[in-house]
Amino acid sequence: MVLESGILEKRERIAELEAQYEAISLAAQTLSDADAELQSRFSPALGRRAAEYLSRMTDGRYTDVAVARDFSVLLRRAGEAAPRQALYLSAGAADLMYLAVRLAIVELTLPGEDPCPIVLDDALVNLDSERREAAMRLLSEIAEKRQVILFTCN
């Protein structure tokens, strides 16, 4: 009797664990499917929007931006065939690239009727005066749609 009771308890526990395993497997597959869909739809849109921002801030010097799954970024200069990694950019160009990507992420993930503000802390610190002016023009345009708060020592 005691053995039968123990066996019954073990069978119930196995059934519970199998149900949990199935639920976890379903959740993992659903997350994987959502990730694939996000990558196929969000990443290209993010790259296009970031490229538009970067091109505007660099007077057309950079034309293409590709954001990888790990958020590493490749960009292409106008007239060049091979993309560049951020490691090979000047500090100012890298700051502009990351600013463009951050602004594109904000636009794509937080649109709406009551947009949240954008808070930037020394995002323009490595820029020369020409690039800083171009970035400020873009931020001024964005500020027409949502509040932009920029902290800087420059």
N, C-alpha and C. Protein backbone atom coordinates (compact mmCIF):
# COMPACT_ATOMS: atom_id res chain seq x y z
N MET A 1 0.81 -1.19 0.00
CA MET A 1 0.00 0.00 0.00
C MET A 1 0.87 1.26 0.00
N VAL A 2 1.90 1.23 0.86
CA VAL A 2 2.80 2.37 0.93
C VAL A 2 3.55 2.52 -0.38
N LEU A 3 3.98 1.42 -0.95
CA LEU A 3 4.68 1.46 -2.23
C LEU A 3 3.78 1.98 -3.34
N GLU A 4 2.53 1.51 -3.37
CA GLU A 4 1.60 1.99 -4.38
C GLU A 4 1.35 3.49 -4.25
N SER A 5 1.23 3.95 -3.01
CA SER A 5 1.04 5.38 -2.76
C SER A 5 2.24 6.18 -3.24
N GLY A 6 3.44 5.68 -2.97
CA GLY A 6 4.66 6.33 -3.42
C GLY A 6 4.75 6.37 -4.93
N ILE A 7 4.39 5.27 -5.57
CA ILE A 7 4.42 5.20 -7.04
C ILE A 7 3.41 6.18 -7.62
N LEU A 8 2.23 6.27 -7.04
CA LEU A 8 1.20 7.20 -7.51
C LEU A 8 1.68 8.65 -7.38
N GLU A 9 2.30 8.97 -6.26
CA GLU A 9 2.84 10.32 -6.06
C GLU A 9 3.90 10.64 -7.12
N LYS A 10 4.77 9.69 -7.39
CA LYS A 10 5.83 9.89 -8.38
C LYS A 10 5.24 10.08 -9.77
N ARG A 11 4.22 9.31 -10.10
CA ARG A 11 3.58 9.46 -11.41
C ARG A 11 2.91 10.84 -11.55
N GLU A 12 2.27 11.29 -10.47
CA GLU A 12 1.66 12.63 -10.49
C GLU A 12 2.74 13.70 -10.66
N ARG A 13 3.84 13.54 -9.96
CA ARG A 13 4.94 14.51 -10.06
C ARG A 13 5.52 14.52 -11.48
N ILE A 14 5.67 13.33 -12.07
CA ILE A 14 6.17 13.24 -13.44
C ILE A 14 5.20 13.94 -14.39
N ALA A 15 3.90 13.76 -14.19
CA ALA A 15 2.91 14.41 -15.05
C ALA A 15 3.00 15.93 -14.90
N GLU A 16 3.16 16.41 -13.67
CA GLU A 16 3.32 17.86 -13.45
C GLU A 16 4.56 18.39 -14.16
N LEU A 17 5.67 17.70 -14.01
CA LEU A 17 6.92 18.13 -14.64
C LEU A 17 6.83 18.08 -16.15
N GLU A 18 6.16 17.07 -16.70
CA GLU A 18 5.98 17.00 -18.15
C GLU A 18 5.13 18.16 -18.65
N ALA A 19 4.10 18.53 -17.90
CA ALA A 19 3.25 19.67 -18.28
C ALA A 19 4.07 20.97 -18.24
N GLN A 20 4.89 21.11 -17.21
CA GLN A 20 5.76 22.29 -17.11
C GLN A 20 6.74 22.33 -18.28
N TYR A 21 7.31 21.19 -18.60
CA TYR A 21 8.26 21.11 -19.70
C TYR A 21 7.60 21.51 -21.02
N GLU A 22 6.37 21.01 -21.25
CA GLU A 22 5.65 21.36 -22.48
C GLU A 22 5.36 22.86 -22.53
N ALA A 23 4.96 23.44 -21.39
CA ALA A 23 4.68 24.88 -21.35
C ALA A 23 5.95 25.68 -21.61
N ILE A 24 7.05 25.27 -21.02
CA ILE A 24 8.32 25.97 -21.22
C ILE A 24 8.78 25.83 -22.67
N SER A 25 8.63 24.65 -23.24
CA SER A 25 9.00 24.43 -24.64
C SER A 25 8.17 25.30 -25.57
N LEU A 26 6.87 25.39 -25.31
CA LEU A 26 5.99 26.23 -26.12
C LEU A 26 6.40 27.70 -25.98
N ALA A 27 6.69 28.13 -24.76
CA ALA A 27 7.10 29.52 -24.54
C ALA A 27 8.42 29.82 -25.25
N ALA A 28 9.36 28.89 -25.17
CA ALA A 28 10.66 29.09 -25.84
C ALA A 28 10.48 29.16 -27.35
N GLN A 29 9.65 28.31 -27.92
CA GLN A 29 9.40 28.34 -29.36
C GLN A 29 8.71 29.63 -29.77
N THR A 30 7.75 30.08 -28.97
CA THR A 30 7.05 31.33 -29.25
C THR A 30 8.02 32.51 -29.21
N LEU A 31 8.89 32.54 -28.21
CA LEU A 31 9.90 33.60 -28.13
C LEU A 31 10.85 33.55 -29.32
N SER A 32 11.24 32.37 -29.71
CA SER A 32 12.12 32.21 -30.86
C SER A 32 11.45 32.72 -32.14
N ASP A 33 10.18 32.39 -32.32
CA ASP A 33 9.44 32.86 -33.49
C ASP A 33 9.30 34.38 -33.47
N ALA A 34 9.01 34.93 -32.29
CA ALA A 34 8.89 36.39 -32.16
C ALA A 34 10.21 37.07 -32.45
N ASP A 35 11.31 36.48 -31.98
CA ASP A 35 12.64 37.04 -32.23
C ASP A 35 12.95 37.04 -33.73
N ALA A 36 12.63 35.95 -34.40
CA ALA A 36 12.87 35.87 -35.85
C ALA A 36 12.05 36.91 -36.59
N GLU A 37 10.79 37.08 -36.18
CA GLU A 37 9.95 38.08 -36.84
C GLU A 37 10.46 39.49 -36.56
N LEU A 38 10.88 39.73 -35.33
CA LEU A 38 11.43 41.03 -34.97
C LEU A 38 12.68 41.33 -35.79
N GLN A 39 13.54 40.34 -35.94
CA GLN A 39 14.76 40.54 -36.72
C GLN A 39 14.45 40.80 -38.19
N SER A 40 13.46 40.11 -38.71
CA SER A 40 13.16 40.28 -40.13
C SER A 40 12.45 41.59 -40.42
N ARG A 41 11.73 42.15 -39.44
CA ARG A 41 10.99 43.38 -39.67
C ARG A 41 11.65 44.59 -39.03
N PHE A 42 12.12 44.46 -37.79
CA PHE A 42 12.63 45.61 -37.05
C PHE A 42 14.03 46.01 -37.50
N SER A 43 14.92 45.05 -37.64
CA SER A 43 16.31 45.38 -37.98
C SER A 43 16.45 46.15 -39.29
N PRO A 44 15.78 45.73 -40.37
CA PRO A 44 15.89 46.53 -41.60
C PRO A 44 15.33 47.94 -41.44
N ALA A 45 14.21 48.07 -40.75
CA ALA A 45 13.63 49.40 -40.53
C ALA A 45 14.55 50.25 -39.67
N LEU A 46 15.15 49.63 -38.67
CA LEU A 46 16.09 50.34 -37.81
C LEU A 46 17.30 50.82 -38.61
N GLY A 47 17.83 49.95 -39.45
CA GLY A 47 18.98 50.32 -40.28
C GLY A 47 18.65 51.46 -41.24
N ARG A 48 17.48 51.39 -41.86
CA ARG A 48 17.08 52.46 -42.79
C ARG A 48 16.93 53.80 -42.08
N ARG A 49 16.27 53.78 -40.93
CA ARG A 49 16.04 55.05 -40.22
C ARG A 49 17.35 55.59 -39.66
N ALA A 50 18.19 54.73 -39.11
CA ALA A 50 19.49 55.17 -38.59
C ALA A 50 20.35 55.72 -39.72
N ALA A 51 20.30 55.08 -40.89
CA ALA A 51 21.06 55.56 -42.04
C ALA A 51 20.59 56.94 -42.47
N GLU A 52 19.29 57.14 -42.44
CA GLU A 52 18.76 58.47 -42.80
C GLU A 52 19.28 59.53 -41.83
N TYR A 53 19.21 59.23 -40.54
CA TYR A 53 19.71 60.20 -39.55
C TYR A 53 21.21 60.44 -39.71
N LEU A 54 21.97 59.35 -39.87
CA LEU A 54 23.42 59.49 -40.00
C LEU A 54 23.79 60.26 -41.26
N SER A 55 23.11 59.99 -42.34
CA SER A 55 23.37 60.70 -43.59
C SER A 55 23.10 62.20 -43.41
N ARG A 56 22.03 62.53 -42.74
CA ARG A 56 21.72 63.94 -42.51
C ARG A 56 22.76 64.62 -41.63
N MET A 57 23.27 63.90 -40.64
CA MET A 57 24.25 64.51 -39.73
C MET A 57 25.65 64.56 -40.32
N THR A 58 25.90 63.78 -41.38
CA THR A 58 27.23 63.75 -41.99
C THR A 58 27.22 64.31 -43.41
N ASP A 59 26.16 65.00 -43.76
CA ASP A 59 26.03 65.60 -45.08
C ASP A 59 26.20 64.56 -46.19
N GLY A 60 25.58 63.39 -46.00
CA GLY A 60 25.59 62.33 -47.00
C GLY A 60 26.84 61.48 -47.05
N ARG A 61 27.74 61.66 -46.11
CA ARG A 61 29.00 60.90 -46.13
C ARG A 61 28.77 59.41 -45.90
N TYR A 62 27.83 59.07 -45.03
CA TYR A 62 27.49 57.67 -44.77
C TYR A 62 26.08 57.41 -45.28
N THR A 63 25.90 56.31 -46.00
CA THR A 63 24.62 56.07 -46.65
C THR A 63 23.87 54.84 -46.14
N ASP A 64 24.57 53.85 -45.62
CA ASP A 64 23.92 52.61 -45.19
C ASP A 64 24.35 52.26 -43.76
N VAL A 65 23.39 51.79 -42.99
CA VAL A 65 23.65 51.33 -41.63
C VAL A 65 22.97 49.98 -41.48
N ALA A 66 23.69 49.02 -40.93
CA ALA A 66 23.13 47.69 -40.64
C ALA A 66 23.37 47.40 -39.17
N VAL A 67 22.28 47.10 -38.47
CA VAL A 67 22.36 46.79 -37.05
C VAL A 67 22.16 45.30 -36.88
N ALA A 68 23.16 44.64 -36.28
CA ALA A 68 23.10 43.18 -36.10
C ALA A 68 22.26 42.84 -34.86
N ARG A 69 22.01 41.56 -34.71
CA ARG A 69 21.22 41.06 -33.58
C ARG A 69 21.81 41.49 -32.24
N ASP A 70 23.13 41.56 -32.14
CA ASP A 70 23.78 41.96 -30.89
C ASP A 70 23.97 43.48 -30.80
N PHE A 71 23.33 44.21 -31.70
CA PHE A 71 23.38 45.66 -31.81
C PHE A 71 24.75 46.20 -32.18
N SER A 72 25.61 45.34 -32.72
CA SER A 72 26.82 45.87 -33.34
C SER A 72 26.39 46.51 -34.65
N VAL A 73 27.15 47.50 -35.09
CA VAL A 73 26.71 48.29 -36.24
C VAL A 73 27.78 48.29 -37.31
N LEU A 74 27.35 48.12 -38.55
CA LEU A 74 28.20 48.29 -39.72
C LEU A 74 27.64 49.46 -40.52
N LEU A 75 28.53 50.27 -41.08
CA LEU A 75 28.05 51.35 -41.92
C LEU A 75 28.92 51.48 -43.15
N ARG A 76 28.32 52.05 -44.16
CA ARG A 76 29.00 52.18 -45.45
C ARG A 76 29.07 53.65 -45.81
N ARG A 77 30.27 54.05 -46.24
CA ARG A 77 30.45 55.41 -46.75
C ARG A 77 29.92 55.49 -48.17
N ALA A 78 29.49 56.65 -48.55
CA ALA A 78 29.02 56.87 -49.92
C ALA A 78 30.16 56.56 -50.88
N GLY A 79 29.87 55.75 -51.89
CA GLY A 79 30.86 55.41 -52.90
C GLY A 79 31.77 54.25 -52.56
N GLU A 80 31.67 53.70 -51.37
CA GLU A 80 32.50 52.55 -50.98
C GLU A 80 31.67 51.28 -51.02
N ALA A 81 32.34 50.18 -51.37
CA ALA A 81 31.63 48.90 -51.47
C ALA A 81 31.57 48.17 -50.13
N ALA A 82 32.63 48.25 -49.35
CA ALA A 82 32.71 47.47 -48.11
C ALA A 82 32.23 48.30 -46.92
N PRO A 83 31.40 47.69 -46.06
CA PRO A 83 30.96 48.41 -44.86
C PRO A 83 32.09 48.46 -43.83
N ARG A 84 31.96 49.38 -42.89
CA ARG A 84 32.96 49.56 -41.83
C ARG A 84 32.33 49.22 -40.48
N GLN A 85 33.17 48.71 -39.59
CA GLN A 85 32.74 48.50 -38.22
C GLN A 85 33.02 49.77 -37.43
N ALA A 86 32.32 49.94 -36.33
CA ALA A 86 32.48 51.14 -35.51
C ALA A 86 33.90 51.28 -34.97
N LEU A 87 34.61 50.17 -34.83
CA LEU A 87 35.98 50.22 -34.31
C LEU A 87 36.91 51.04 -35.19
N TYR A 88 36.57 51.16 -36.46
CA TYR A 88 37.44 51.85 -37.41
C TYR A 88 37.00 53.29 -37.68
N LEU A 89 36.10 53.80 -36.87
CA LEU A 89 35.62 55.16 -37.03
C LEU A 89 36.31 56.09 -36.04
N SER A 90 36.32 57.36 -36.36
CA SER A 90 36.80 58.34 -35.39
C SER A 90 35.80 58.38 -34.25
N ALA A 91 36.20 58.96 -33.12
CA ALA A 91 35.30 59.05 -31.97
C ALA A 91 34.06 59.86 -32.33
N GLY A 92 34.23 60.92 -33.10
CA GLY A 92 33.09 61.73 -33.50
C GLY A 92 32.14 60.98 -34.41
N ALA A 93 32.67 60.27 -35.39
CA ALA A 93 31.82 59.50 -36.31
C ALA A 93 31.10 58.38 -35.57
N ALA A 94 31.78 57.73 -34.64
CA ALA A 94 31.15 56.67 -33.85
C ALA A 94 30.04 57.25 -32.98
N ASP A 95 30.27 58.42 -32.38
CA ASP A 95 29.21 59.04 -31.59
C ASP A 95 27.99 59.36 -32.44
N LEU A 96 28.22 59.88 -33.65
CA LEU A 96 27.10 60.17 -34.54
C LEU A 96 26.35 58.90 -34.92
N MET A 97 27.11 57.84 -35.19
CA MET A 97 26.49 56.58 -35.57
C MET A 97 25.61 56.06 -34.44
N TYR A 98 26.14 56.05 -33.22
CA TYR A 98 25.34 55.55 -32.10
C TYR A 98 24.18 56.48 -31.77
N LEU A 99 24.35 57.78 -31.94
CA LEU A 99 23.24 58.70 -31.76
C LEU A 99 22.15 58.40 -32.79
N ALA A 100 22.53 58.19 -34.03
CA ALA A 100 21.56 57.87 -35.08
C ALA A 100 20.81 56.58 -34.75
N VAL A 101 21.51 55.57 -34.28
CA VAL A 101 20.86 54.29 -33.94
C VAL A 101 19.92 54.48 -32.75
N ARG A 102 20.36 55.21 -31.73
CA ARG A 102 19.50 55.42 -30.56
C ARG A 102 18.24 56.20 -30.94
N LEU A 103 18.40 57.23 -31.76
CA LEU A 103 17.24 58.01 -32.18
C LEU A 103 16.28 57.16 -33.01
N ALA A 104 16.83 56.30 -33.86
CA ALA A 104 15.98 55.41 -34.67
C ALA A 104 15.25 54.41 -33.79
N ILE A 105 15.92 53.87 -32.78
CA ILE A 105 15.27 52.94 -31.85
C ILE A 105 14.11 53.63 -31.14
N VAL A 106 14.36 54.84 -30.67
CA VAL A 106 13.30 55.59 -29.99
C VAL A 106 12.11 55.79 -30.92
N GLU A 107 12.38 56.21 -32.14
CA GLU A 107 11.29 56.48 -33.08
C GLU A 107 10.50 55.21 -33.40
N LEU A 108 11.19 54.09 -33.57
CA LEU A 108 10.52 52.86 -33.97
C LEU A 108 9.83 52.13 -32.82
N THR A 109 10.33 52.29 -31.62
CA THR A 109 9.76 51.54 -30.50
C THR A 109 8.84 52.37 -29.63
N LEU A 110 8.97 53.68 -29.68
CA LEU A 110 8.16 54.53 -28.80
C LEU A 110 7.39 55.60 -29.56
N PRO A 111 6.73 55.22 -30.66
CA PRO A 111 5.90 56.22 -31.33
C PRO A 111 4.63 56.42 -30.52
N GLY A 112 3.82 57.34 -30.89
CA GLY A 112 2.54 57.47 -30.21
C GLY A 112 2.08 58.89 -30.10
N GLU A 113 0.88 59.00 -29.56
CA GLU A 113 0.25 60.31 -29.43
C GLU A 113 0.92 61.13 -28.33
N ASP A 114 1.39 60.49 -27.29
CA ASP A 114 2.02 61.18 -26.17
C ASP A 114 3.45 60.65 -26.02
N PRO A 115 4.35 61.08 -26.92
CA PRO A 115 5.70 60.50 -26.93
C PRO A 115 6.51 60.87 -25.69
N CYS A 116 7.28 59.90 -25.24
CA CYS A 116 8.14 60.15 -24.09
C CYS A 116 9.32 61.03 -24.51
N PRO A 117 9.91 61.73 -23.56
CA PRO A 117 11.06 62.58 -23.91
C PRO A 117 12.31 61.74 -24.20
N ILE A 118 13.23 62.34 -24.90
CA ILE A 118 14.54 61.74 -25.15
C ILE A 118 15.53 62.48 -24.26
N VAL A 119 16.27 61.74 -23.46
CA VAL A 119 17.26 62.34 -22.56
C VAL A 119 18.64 61.89 -23.04
N LEU A 120 19.50 62.85 -23.36
CA LEU A 120 20.85 62.57 -23.85
C LEU A 120 21.86 63.23 -22.91
N ASP A 121 22.85 62.48 -22.52
CA ASP A 121 23.89 63.00 -21.63
C ASP A 121 25.22 62.98 -22.36
N ASP A 122 25.73 64.15 -22.71
CA ASP A 122 27.00 64.32 -23.40
C ASP A 122 27.12 63.47 -24.66
N ALA A 123 26.03 63.38 -25.39
CA ALA A 123 26.01 62.58 -26.62
C ALA A 123 26.81 63.23 -27.74
N LEU A 124 27.14 64.50 -27.61
CA LEU A 124 27.83 65.23 -28.67
C LEU A 124 29.25 65.61 -28.28
N VAL A 125 29.77 65.00 -27.24
CA VAL A 125 31.04 65.43 -26.65
C VAL A 125 32.23 65.30 -27.61
N ASN A 126 32.25 64.29 -28.47
CA ASN A 126 33.39 64.06 -29.36
C ASN A 126 33.23 64.67 -30.74
N LEU A 127 32.23 65.51 -30.92
CA LEU A 127 31.95 66.06 -32.24
C LEU A 127 32.66 67.40 -32.44
N ASP A 128 33.13 67.60 -33.68
CA ASP A 128 33.65 68.93 -34.02
C ASP A 128 32.45 69.86 -34.20
N SER A 129 32.72 71.15 -34.37
CA SER A 129 31.64 72.14 -34.41
C SER A 129 30.68 71.89 -35.57
N GLU A 130 31.17 71.46 -36.72
CA GLU A 130 30.31 71.22 -37.88
C GLU A 130 29.36 70.05 -37.63
N ARG A 131 29.89 68.96 -37.09
CA ARG A 131 29.04 67.79 -36.80
C ARG A 131 28.08 68.09 -35.65
N ARG A 132 28.55 68.85 -34.66
CA ARG A 132 27.68 69.21 -33.54
C ARG A 132 26.50 70.04 -34.05
N GLU A 133 26.78 70.96 -34.96
CA GLU A 133 25.71 71.78 -35.52
C GLU A 133 24.71 70.92 -36.30
N ALA A 134 25.20 69.97 -37.08
CA ALA A 134 24.31 69.08 -37.83
C ALA A 134 23.46 68.23 -36.88
N ALA A 135 24.07 67.73 -35.82
CA ALA A 135 23.33 66.93 -34.84
C ALA A 135 22.28 67.79 -34.13
N MET A 136 22.63 69.01 -33.81
CA MET A 136 21.67 69.90 -33.15
C MET A 136 20.50 70.24 -34.06
N ARG A 137 20.76 70.38 -35.37
CA ARG A 137 19.66 70.61 -36.31
C ARG A 137 18.69 69.43 -36.29
N LEU A 138 19.24 68.22 -36.33
CA LEU A 138 18.39 67.04 -36.31
C LEU A 138 17.62 66.95 -34.99
N LEU A 139 18.29 67.18 -33.88
CA LEU A 139 17.62 67.13 -32.58
C LEU A 139 16.53 68.21 -32.48
N SER A 140 16.76 69.36 -33.10
CA SER A 140 15.74 70.42 -33.11
C SER A 140 14.51 69.97 -33.87
N GLU A 141 14.71 69.27 -34.99
CA GLU A 141 13.56 68.75 -35.75
C GLU A 141 12.80 67.71 -34.94
N ILE A 142 13.54 66.84 -34.28
CA ILE A 142 12.90 65.80 -33.47
C ILE A 142 12.15 66.45 -32.30
N ALA A 143 12.69 67.55 -31.78
CA ALA A 143 12.07 68.24 -30.65
C ALA A 143 10.73 68.88 -31.02
N GLU A 144 10.44 68.98 -32.29
CA GLU A 144 9.12 69.47 -32.70
C GLU A 144 8.04 68.43 -32.43
N LYS A 145 8.44 67.15 -32.34
CA LYS A 145 7.49 66.05 -32.12
C LYS A 145 7.53 65.53 -30.68
N ARG A 146 8.69 65.57 -30.06
CA ARG A 146 8.83 65.07 -28.69
C ARG A 146 9.90 65.88 -27.98
N GLN A 147 9.83 65.91 -26.68
CA GLN A 147 10.79 66.68 -25.90
C GLN A 147 12.16 66.04 -25.97
N VAL A 148 13.20 66.86 -26.17
CA VAL A 148 14.58 66.40 -26.17
C VAL A 148 15.30 67.15 -25.06
N ILE A 149 15.88 66.40 -24.14
CA ILE A 149 16.66 66.99 -23.04
C ILE A 149 18.10 66.59 -23.25
N LEU A 150 18.96 67.57 -23.46
CA LEU A 150 20.37 67.32 -23.76
C LEU A 150 21.22 67.93 -22.65
N PHE A 151 21.97 67.07 -21.96
CA PHE A 151 22.94 67.53 -20.97
C PHE A 151 24.30 67.52 -21.63
N THR A 152 25.04 68.61 -21.49
CA THR A 152 26.37 68.65 -22.08
C THR A 152 27.22 69.70 -21.37
N CYS A 153 28.52 69.53 -21.47
CA CYS A 153 29.47 70.50 -20.94
C CYS A 153 30.01 71.37 -22.05
N ASN A 154 29.61 71.13 -23.30
CA ASN A 154 30.09 71.91 -24.44
C ASN A 154 29.28 73.17 -24.62
